[in-house]
Protein backbone atom coordinates (compact mmCIF):
# COMPACT_ATOMS: atom_id res chain seq x y z
CA MET A 1 -37.34 -10.55 6.19
CA PRO A 2 -40.76 -9.20 7.34
CA LYS A 3 -43.87 -9.91 5.24
CA VAL A 4 -45.94 -7.07 3.83
CA ALA A 5 -49.62 -7.51 4.71
CA ASN A 6 -52.39 -7.11 2.10
CA LYS A 7 -49.95 -6.33 -0.70
CA ALA A 8 -48.68 -8.39 -3.55
CA PRO A 9 -44.90 -8.90 -3.25
CA PRO A 10 -42.92 -6.65 -5.58
CA ARG A 11 -41.50 -8.26 -8.64
CA PRO A 12 -37.74 -8.44 -8.96
CA ASN A 13 -36.24 -5.57 -10.92
CA ASN A 14 -39.37 -3.43 -10.48
CA ARG A 15 -38.42 0.17 -9.91
CA ALA A 16 -39.91 1.88 -6.86
CA GLY A 17 -38.83 5.42 -6.26
CA GLY A 18 -35.98 5.02 -8.75
CA LYS A 19 -34.63 1.89 -7.01
CA VAL A 20 -34.63 -1.74 -8.09
CA VAL A 21 -36.80 -3.81 -5.74
CA HIS A 22 -36.01 -7.52 -5.27
CA LEU A 23 -38.18 -10.34 -4.04
CA PRO A 24 -37.31 -11.38 -0.45
CA SER A 25 -36.80 -14.93 -1.71
CA GLY A 26 -34.27 -13.69 -4.26
CA VAL A 27 -32.34 -11.75 -1.62
CA GLN A 28 -32.36 -14.79 0.66
CA LYS A 29 -31.12 -17.09 -2.09
CA ALA A 30 -28.32 -14.70 -3.03
CA GLY A 31 -27.34 -14.51 0.65
CA VAL A 32 -27.10 -18.29 0.96
CA VAL A 33 -24.90 -18.55 -2.12
CA LEU A 34 -22.63 -15.72 -0.93
CA ARG A 35 -22.42 -17.13 2.60
CA ASN A 36 -21.32 -20.53 1.32
CA SER A 37 -18.74 -18.93 -0.97
CA ILE A 38 -17.28 -16.93 1.92
CA LEU A 39 -17.04 -19.99 4.16
CA ALA A 40 -15.32 -21.96 1.38
CA ALA A 41 -12.83 -19.14 0.75
CA VAL A 42 -11.97 -18.89 4.45
CA LYS A 43 -11.48 -22.65 4.68
CA GLU A 44 -9.16 -22.68 1.66
CA PHE A 45 -7.17 -19.73 3.01
CA ASP A 46 -6.79 -21.30 6.46
CA ALA A 47 -5.44 -24.51 4.91
CA ALA A 48 -2.85 -22.60 2.85
CA THR A 49 -1.67 -20.36 5.68
CA ALA A 50 -1.34 -23.35 8.00
CA LYS A 51 1.32 -24.61 5.57
CA ASP A 52 2.93 -21.12 5.33
CA ASP A 53 2.29 -21.20 1.59
CA LYS A 54 3.62 -17.78 0.47
CA ASP A 55 3.16 -18.66 -3.20
CA TYR A 56 -0.56 -18.96 -2.47
CA LEU A 57 -0.52 -15.53 -0.80
CA ARG A 58 1.26 -13.98 -3.79
CA ALA A 59 -1.29 -15.56 -6.11
CA LEU A 60 -4.11 -14.12 -4.00
CA HIS A 61 -2.54 -10.68 -4.17
CA GLY A 62 -2.24 -11.01 -7.93
CA ARG A 63 -5.87 -12.07 -8.28
CA ALA A 64 -7.04 -9.23 -6.04
CA LYS A 65 -5.01 -6.79 -8.10
CA GLN A 66 -6.71 -7.94 -11.30
CA LEU A 67 -10.17 -7.67 -9.75
CA GLN A 68 -9.84 -4.27 -8.12
CA PRO A 69 -10.79 -1.17 -10.09
CA GLY A 70 -8.06 1.26 -10.93
CA VAL A 71 -5.49 -1.12 -12.44
CA PRO A 72 -4.84 0.86 -15.64
CA GLY A 73 -3.46 -1.91 -17.87
CA LYS A 74 -3.68 -0.16 -21.22
CA ARG A 75 -2.43 3.12 -19.81
CA VAL A 76 0.62 1.69 -18.05
CA ARG A 77 1.61 -0.31 -21.13
CA ALA A 78 1.50 2.88 -23.19
CA ALA A 79 3.52 4.69 -20.52
CA PHE A 80 6.15 1.95 -20.53
CA VAL A 81 6.51 2.21 -24.31
CA LYS A 82 6.83 5.98 -23.96
CA HIS A 83 9.51 5.78 -21.26
CA ARG A 84 11.11 2.46 -22.23
CA ALA A 85 14.61 3.93 -22.45
CA MET A 86 14.48 4.74 -18.72
CA PHE A 87 14.15 1.07 -17.79
CA ALA A 88 17.65 -0.40 -17.82
CA ILE A 89 18.97 -3.89 -18.46
CA GLY A 90 21.66 -5.31 -16.23
CA ASN A 91 24.66 -5.09 -18.54
CA GLU A 92 24.15 -1.31 -18.76
CA ILE A 93 24.69 -0.80 -15.02
CA ASP A 94 27.98 -0.29 -13.17
CA PRO A 95 27.15 -0.73 -9.46
CA ASN A 96 29.97 1.61 -8.41
CA LYS A 97 28.52 4.48 -10.45
CA ILE A 98 24.87 4.33 -9.39
CA ARG A 99 23.75 7.83 -8.32
CA PRO A 100 20.22 7.79 -6.87
CA VAL A 101 18.03 10.90 -6.77
CA LEU A 102 14.40 11.34 -5.74
CA LYS A 103 11.98 12.64 -8.38
CA LEU A 104 8.62 13.87 -7.10
CA ALA A 105 6.02 11.87 -9.04
CA SER A 106 3.10 14.29 -9.18
CA GLN A 107 -0.07 13.32 -11.00
CA ASP A 108 -0.12 13.99 -14.76
CA THR A 109 3.67 14.29 -15.09
CA GLU A 110 6.18 11.96 -16.72
CA TRP A 111 7.40 10.89 -13.28
CA GLY A 112 3.80 10.16 -12.31
CA GLU A 113 3.47 7.96 -15.39
CA ILE A 114 6.69 6.12 -14.53
CA PHE A 115 5.50 5.63 -10.93
CA GLY A 116 2.34 4.00 -12.31
CA VAL A 117 4.33 1.61 -14.49
CA VAL A 118 6.51 0.46 -11.61
CA ARG A 119 3.55 0.11 -9.24
CA ALA A 120 1.75 -2.07 -11.79
CA LEU A 121 4.65 -4.55 -11.85
CA TRP A 122 4.01 -5.80 -8.33
CA SER A 123 1.54 -8.46 -7.27
CA MET A 124 0.11 -6.33 -4.45
CA PRO A 125 -3.40 -4.97 -5.18
CA TYR A 126 -3.44 -1.53 -6.79
CA ASN A 127 -3.64 1.39 -4.38
CA LYS A 128 -3.24 5.00 -5.41
CA GLY A 129 -2.95 6.08 -1.80
CA TYR A 130 -5.37 8.25 0.16
CA GLY A 131 -5.44 11.48 2.11
CA ARG A 132 -2.10 13.28 1.99
CA ARG A 133 0.14 11.71 -0.62
CA LEU A 134 3.79 11.93 -1.61
CA ARG A 135 5.09 9.81 -4.45
CA PHE A 136 8.68 9.51 -5.63
CA VAL A 137 10.52 7.74 -8.40
CA VAL A 138 14.00 6.72 -7.29
CA PHE A 139 16.12 7.48 -10.35
CA ASP A 140 19.72 6.63 -11.19
CA ALA A 141 21.04 9.95 -12.52
CA HIS A 142 24.27 8.43 -13.82
CA HIS A 143 22.70 5.63 -15.88
CA GLU A 144 19.45 7.58 -16.45
CA ALA A 145 17.38 4.62 -15.32
CA VAL A 146 14.52 3.89 -12.90
CA ILE A 147 15.53 2.17 -9.68
CA GLY A 148 12.19 1.98 -7.84
CA ILE A 149 9.43 3.95 -6.14
CA ILE A 150 8.31 5.30 -2.76
CA GLY A 151 4.62 5.99 -2.12
CA LEU A 152 3.52 7.71 1.09
CA GLN A 153 -0.03 8.37 2.26
CA SER A 154 -1.94 9.49 5.35
CA PRO A 155 -1.36 7.10 8.26
CA PRO A 156 -3.98 4.77 9.73
CA ALA A 157 -5.83 6.44 12.58
CA ASP A 158 -5.44 3.33 14.71
CA LEU A 159 -2.33 1.16 14.68
CA GLN A 160 -1.99 -0.69 17.95
CA CYS A 161 1.77 -1.30 18.01
CA ARG A 162 2.45 2.35 17.08
CA ASP A 163 -0.07 3.78 19.52
CA MET A 164 1.41 1.80 22.43
CA LEU A 165 4.67 3.75 22.02
CA PHE A 166 3.22 7.19 22.72
CA GLN A 167 1.23 9.07 25.34
CA TYR A 168 -1.14 11.19 23.27
CA PRO A 169 -2.81 14.11 25.09
CA LYS A 170 -6.55 13.72 25.43
CA GLN A 171 -8.48 14.47 22.23
CA ARG A 172 -5.27 15.11 20.24
CA LYS A 173 -4.35 11.63 19.02
CA LEU A 174 -5.57 12.10 15.44
CA GLU A 175 -3.91 15.52 15.16
CA LEU A 176 -0.55 14.13 16.29
CA VAL A 177 -0.75 10.92 14.27
CA ASN A 178 -1.33 13.13 11.24
CA SER A 179 2.18 14.52 11.61
CA THR A 180 3.32 11.11 10.34
CA MET A 181 2.80 9.27 7.07
CA ASP A 182 2.53 5.65 6.02
CA ALA A 183 4.60 4.06 3.24
CA TYR A 184 2.29 1.93 1.08
CA ALA A 185 4.48 1.34 -2.00
CA VAL A 186 8.21 0.81 -1.53
CA GLY A 187 10.56 -1.23 -3.67
CA ALA A 188 13.05 -1.59 -6.49
CA ILE A 189 12.73 -3.17 -9.91
CA PRO A 190 15.19 -5.32 -11.86
CA PRO A 191 18.09 -5.06 -12.43
CA TYR A 192 18.53 -2.89 -9.32
CA SER A 193 16.52 -5.30 -7.19
CA TYR A 194 19.17 -7.94 -7.89
CA LEU A 195 21.65 -5.63 -6.13
CA LEU A 196 19.37 -5.35 -3.07
CA GLY A 197 17.92 -2.13 -4.43
CA GLY A 198 15.00 -2.60 -2.05
CA LYS A 199 17.38 -1.72 0.79
CA LEU A 200 18.29 1.47 -1.08
CA VAL A 201 14.72 2.57 -1.69
CA ALA A 202 13.59 1.70 1.84
CA GLY A 203 16.50 3.62 3.34
CA LEU A 204 15.79 6.72 1.30
CA ILE A 205 12.50 7.16 3.21
CA ALA A 206 14.63 8.43 6.10
CA THR A 207 16.39 11.13 4.08
CA ASP A 208 16.06 14.90 4.28
CA ALA A 209 14.60 14.99 0.75
CA VAL A 210 11.39 13.31 1.92
CA ARG A 211 10.84 15.71 4.83
CA GLU A 212 11.63 18.70 2.61
CA ALA A 213 9.20 17.55 -0.09
CA TYR A 214 6.50 17.16 2.58
CA TRP A 215 7.15 20.69 3.82
CA THR A 216 7.04 22.11 0.29
CA GLN A 217 3.80 20.33 -0.61
CA TYR A 218 1.84 20.78 2.62
CA ALA A 219 3.13 23.88 4.42
CA GLY A 220 0.19 26.22 4.97
CA LYS A 221 -2.33 23.71 3.59
CA LYS A 222 -5.47 22.66 5.46
CA THR A 223 -7.18 19.31 5.85
CA GLU A 224 -10.29 18.81 3.74
CA MET A 225 -12.54 17.31 6.40
CA GLU A 226 -11.66 19.45 9.44
CA ASN A 227 -10.26 22.54 7.70
CA LYS A 228 -7.24 22.57 10.03
CA LEU A 229 -3.66 23.39 9.11
CA ILE A 230 -1.71 20.25 8.24
CA ARG A 231 0.75 19.67 11.05
CA GLN A 232 4.44 20.29 10.33
CA PRO A 233 7.08 18.94 10.26
CA LEU A 234 6.83 15.33 9.15
CA VAL A 235 8.12 13.50 12.23
CA ALA A 236 7.84 9.80 11.36
CA VAL A 237 6.85 7.24 8.76
CA THR A 238 5.36 3.81 9.39
CA THR A 239 5.25 0.91 6.98
CA THR A 240 4.17 -2.71 6.95
CA SER A 241 5.74 -5.76 5.34
CA ALA A 242 3.83 -7.52 2.57
CA PHE A 243 4.32 -11.14 3.68
CA GLY A 244 5.08 -11.69 7.34
CA ARG A 245 8.74 -11.05 8.19
CA SER A 246 10.45 -8.52 5.93
CA SER A 247 13.99 -8.95 4.58
CA MET A 248 13.92 -5.45 3.04
CA TYR A 249 13.30 -3.53 6.28
CA ASN A 250 14.97 -5.96 8.66
CA ARG A 251 18.29 -4.60 10.04
CA LEU A 252 18.01 -1.56 7.75
CA LYS A 253 20.74 0.77 9.02
CA TYR A 254 22.87 3.75 8.08
CA LYS A 255 26.16 3.05 9.85
CA ASN A 256 25.08 2.66 13.50
CA ARG A 257 21.67 4.30 13.09
CA LEU A 258 18.69 1.96 12.80
CA LEU A 259 16.44 3.46 10.15
CA ALA A 260 13.44 1.11 10.19
CA GLU A 261 12.63 0.15 13.77
CA PRO A 262 10.50 -3.00 14.18
CA ILE A 263 7.69 -2.09 16.58
CA GLY A 264 5.37 -5.09 16.35
CA SER A 265 2.96 -6.77 14.00
CA THR A 266 -0.50 -6.23 12.59
CA LEU A 267 -3.33 -8.16 14.20
CA GLY A 268 -3.80 -10.41 11.18
CA PHE A 269 -7.07 -8.94 9.89
CA GLY A 270 -7.81 -8.08 6.27
CA THR A 271 -9.91 -8.72 3.19
CA LEU A 272 -7.31 -10.35 0.95
CA HIS A 273 -8.89 -13.82 1.10
CA LEU A 274 -12.33 -12.39 0.22
CA GLU A 275 -11.41 -9.88 -2.50
CA HIS A 276 -12.33 -12.27 -5.31
CA LEU A 277 -15.89 -12.34 -3.90
CA TYR A 278 -16.27 -8.56 -3.79
CA ASP A 279 -18.44 -8.30 -6.91
CA GLY A 280 -20.87 -10.77 -5.32
CA ILE A 281 -20.77 -8.86 -2.03
CA ARG A 282 -21.52 -5.63 -3.85
CA ALA A 283 -24.44 -7.18 -5.76
CA TYR A 284 -25.88 -8.62 -2.56
CA LEU A 285 -25.66 -5.31 -0.67
CA GLU A 286 -27.22 -3.49 -3.60
CA MET A 287 -30.15 -5.91 -3.32
CA THR A 288 -30.50 -5.14 0.39
CA GLY A 289 -29.99 -1.39 -0.06
CA GLU A 290 -26.88 -1.34 2.15
CA TYR A 291 -24.11 -0.85 -0.41
CA ASN A 292 -21.74 2.03 0.40
CA ASN A 293 -20.61 3.63 -2.83
CA GLY A 294 -17.94 5.76 -1.16
CA GLY A 295 -17.44 9.47 -1.60
CA PHE A 296 -16.32 12.34 0.58
CA GLY A 297 -16.56 11.66 4.30
CA THR A 298 -16.95 7.88 3.98
CA GLY A 299 -13.30 7.09 4.67
CA PRO A 300 -10.62 5.30 2.65
CA LYS A 301 -11.74 1.74 3.45
CA VAL A 302 -15.08 1.54 1.70
CA ARG A 303 -14.40 -2.01 0.49
CA TRP A 304 -13.66 -3.05 4.07
CA GLN A 305 -16.87 -1.40 5.28
CA ASN A 306 -18.97 -3.16 2.66
CA ILE A 307 -17.44 -6.55 3.39
CA VAL A 308 -18.04 -6.11 7.13
CA THR A 309 -21.66 -5.10 6.44
CA ALA A 310 -22.22 -8.20 4.33
CA LEU A 311 -20.59 -10.50 6.91
CA ASN A 312 -22.75 -9.13 9.70
CA ARG A 313 -25.92 -9.40 7.63
CA LEU A 314 -25.09 -13.00 6.75
CA GLY A 315 -24.55 -13.88 10.40
CA LEU A 316 -20.85 -14.56 9.95
CA GLY A 317 -19.34 -11.67 11.88
CA SER A 318 -16.10 -9.81 11.37
CA ASP A 319 -14.04 -12.75 12.67
CA MET A 320 -14.09 -13.95 9.06
CA LEU A 321 -11.60 -11.11 8.40
CA ARG A 322 -9.01 -12.65 10.72
CA HIS A 323 -6.68 -14.21 8.16
CA GLY A 324 -3.82 -14.70 10.61
CA VAL A 325 -1.10 -13.27 8.35
CA GLN A 326 0.66 -10.94 10.76
CA ARG A 327 2.76 -8.36 8.96
CA GLU A 328 5.73 -6.66 10.58
CA VAL A 329 5.31 -2.95 11.30
CA PHE A 330 8.31 -0.61 11.13
CA LEU A 331 8.79 2.96 12.32
CA TYR A 332 11.11 5.58 10.81
CA ARG A 333 11.98 8.28 13.33
CA LEU A 334 12.65 11.50 11.42
CA VAL A 335 13.21 13.72 14.48
CA GLU A 336 15.41 13.38 17.56
CA ASP A 337 12.67 13.34 20.21
CA LEU A 338 9.67 11.69 18.63
CA GLU A 339 8.12 10.74 21.99
CA SER A 340 7.97 14.38 23.04
CA GLY A 341 6.41 15.44 19.76
CA MET A 342 3.76 12.73 19.88
CA SER A 343 2.98 13.74 23.47
CA GLY A 344 2.14 17.28 22.35
CA GLY A 345 5.55 18.85 22.95
CA GLU A 346 8.40 19.76 20.64
CA PRO A 347 9.52 16.89 18.39
CA GLY A 348 13.22 17.81 18.43
CA ASN A 349 15.62 18.51 15.59
CA PRO A 350 15.51 16.55 12.34
CA GLU A 351 17.53 13.34 12.09
CA ARG A 352 19.70 14.45 9.20
CA LEU A 353 20.55 12.10 6.34
CA SER A 354 21.24 13.10 2.76
CA VAL A 355 20.33 11.03 -0.28
CA GLN A 356 23.97 11.06 -1.34
CA ASP A 357 25.32 9.85 2.00
CA TYR A 358 22.87 6.99 2.28
CA SER A 359 23.32 6.02 -1.38
CA GLU A 360 27.10 5.84 -1.05
CA PHE A 361 26.68 3.74 2.08
CA TRP A 362 24.28 1.39 0.26
CA ILE A 363 26.65 0.95 -2.69
CA GLU A 364 29.50 -0.03 -0.40
CA ARG A 365 27.44 -2.08 2.07
CA TRP A 366 25.05 -3.90 -0.26
CA ALA A 367 25.28 -3.25 -4.01
CA VAL A 368 28.93 -3.96 -4.79
CA PRO A 369 29.25 -7.02 -2.51
CA ARG A 370 26.04 -8.42 -4.00
CA ALA A 371 27.33 -7.96 -7.56
CA GLN A 372 30.57 -9.71 -6.63
CA ARG A 373 28.81 -12.67 -5.01
CA PHE A 374 26.38 -13.11 -7.91
CA PRO A 375 28.27 -12.24 -11.12
CA HIS A 376 25.34 -13.34 -13.32
CA TRP A 377 23.01 -10.69 -11.90
CA SER A 378 23.34 -8.60 -15.09
CA ASN A 379 22.72 -11.31 -17.68
CA GLY A 380 18.98 -10.83 -18.18
CA ASP A 381 16.83 -8.54 -20.32
CA GLU A 382 14.60 -6.81 -17.81
CA ARG A 383 12.66 -4.87 -20.43
CA ILE A 384 11.24 -8.11 -21.80
CA LEU A 385 10.32 -9.18 -18.27
CA ILE A 386 8.51 -5.87 -17.71
CA GLU A 387 6.63 -6.20 -21.01
CA GLN A 388 5.49 -9.71 -20.08
CA THR A 389 4.30 -8.59 -16.66
CA LEU A 390 2.37 -5.61 -18.01
CA ALA A 391 0.82 -7.73 -20.76
CA ALA A 392 -0.96 -9.77 -18.10
CA ILE A 393 -2.74 -6.75 -16.61
CA SER A 394 -6.29 -6.26 -17.82
């Protein structure tokens, strides 16, 4: 930190030009404390992952969820009370009569409220999605009960295992990638999860209803940043497992058609092991004047950007973000000739699959056999479990 000649050092918390000015010694001390905390967190994480401790990873996700802004504890508890009758208990469900439908969960609707309740039940950090978004509640129309949710968002611009599959024309990669979406929230809740309802919800991503909802919502619309027409149709969906190898997406088929194709793994980078230090990182960057507060044009990964900035300033480098937890990446092909479409040509006809056809297949292939193998699946009171889980959210 350079010295200022012939001037008294500014006092901490003095305001100069509307900004708080900190003593260089105070900034340096804060940096030392933060640096040591980061090194300790990385050491602890490395020790846990070396033992393949998935309980530790789940606990980290839960802690990160509590610390991140946007976890609406009070609001989701009120929404659950409001819609409590739509959350079934096991003895109310006949597996043979389950009739799934997709309900578009737009913001400020009852389905949007229900989506928020289900999303809050999981240990994964809260994420409302970014860019283009499609959210669905998977609803059992026969039993009038919530099965699970599907949340889709704009895809990552760079995803190595996906990008290796296609030959993008020069300067058109982003345009073509934006004809796909990424599934960020997929899963079922009890009691349907006991019947492998995750396989149902994951399979429904490949159905005509998702492509049609995308067309309805985005046909004729333009992107905010580049003011270009949003590319149609939706040709593919990618998704990533939460903890290494995924049992939900693995061997996910409709008859002989593979729905979720494993295409590789993530590189094992992320901020999960440092999320509990984010408040300290923010405070430190505010002291140095380098904190990125987000906003239009700054991208969806502002937290990532701030953490990288802090690591570089502290002399640690972005290697501290290599946590080594490689997550499986899966690709849903929604058109017959995806390679052609991603090369700038015609993507081919849609790969047809109705919600009804896949649901009937799931009941026969997974739900009924599961219920027969585990006859006690319906003995619990899932509403109490949901209440307990929501009560723990701040």
